[in-house]
Amino acid sequence: MTIYNEFTNYANIPVAAALSIVLGLATWAVLYAAHSLAGARAGAGA
């Protein structure tokens, strides 16, 4: 909701862009961690 407010209500484009990058990096980090943990438990063929 924060990025929505920054982009629409406040028109604060630099902050919205920074939040987008940070949230994107956080998403990739979580996906990488989940993939690593699943791979460690299930093996390389999973």
Protein backbone atom coordinates (compact mmCIF):
# COMPACT_ATOMS: atom_id res chain seq x y z
CA MET A 1 0.00 0.00 0.00
CA THR A 2 2.91 2.34 0.64
CA ILE A 3 4.17 2.16 -2.92
CA TYR A 4 0.62 2.81 -4.17
CA ASN A 5 0.35 5.96 -2.05
CA GLU A 6 3.79 7.20 -3.07
CA PHE A 7 3.03 6.71 -6.74
CA THR A 8 -0.59 7.89 -6.94
CA ASN A 9 -1.48 10.17 -4.02
CA TYR A 10 1.86 11.89 -3.49
CA ALA A 11 3.32 11.56 -7.03
CA ASN A 12 6.69 10.92 -5.42
CA ILE A 13 8.27 9.07 -8.33
CA PRO A 14 11.82 8.67 -6.92
CA VAL A 15 10.54 7.10 -3.70
CA ALA A 16 8.12 4.88 -5.62
CA ALA A 17 10.95 3.74 -7.88
CA ALA A 18 13.22 3.01 -4.92
CA LEU A 19 10.48 1.06 -3.16
CA SER A 20 9.87 -0.92 -6.34
CA ILE A 21 13.54 -1.88 -6.57
CA VAL A 22 13.79 -2.78 -2.87
CA LEU A 23 10.62 -4.86 -2.96
CA GLY A 24 11.80 -6.58 -6.14
CA LEU A 25 15.14 -7.46 -4.57
CA ALA A 26 13.39 -8.74 -1.44
CA THR A 27 11.13 -10.91 -3.59
CA TRP A 28 14.08 -12.40 -5.45
CA ALA A 29 15.89 -13.05 -2.17
CA VAL A 30 12.90 -14.93 -0.75
CA LEU A 31 12.50 -16.93 -3.97
CA TYR A 32 16.20 -17.80 -3.97
CA ALA A 33 16.09 -18.89 -0.32
CA ALA A 34 12.98 -21.02 -0.91
CA HIS A 35 14.54 -22.60 -3.97
CA SER A 36 17.77 -23.32 -2.12
CA LEU A 37 15.98 -24.88 0.84
CA ALA A 38 13.72 -26.97 -1.40
CA GLY A 39 16.72 -28.10 -3.45
CA ALA A 40 18.66 -29.07 -0.34
CA ARG A 41 15.79 -31.21 0.95
CA ALA A 42 14.57 -32.73 -2.32
CA GLY A 43 17.88 -33.18 -4.11
CA ALA A 44 19.10 -31.94 -7.46
CA GLY A 45 16.52 -33.83 -9.52
CA ALA A 46 13.49 -32.13 -8.00
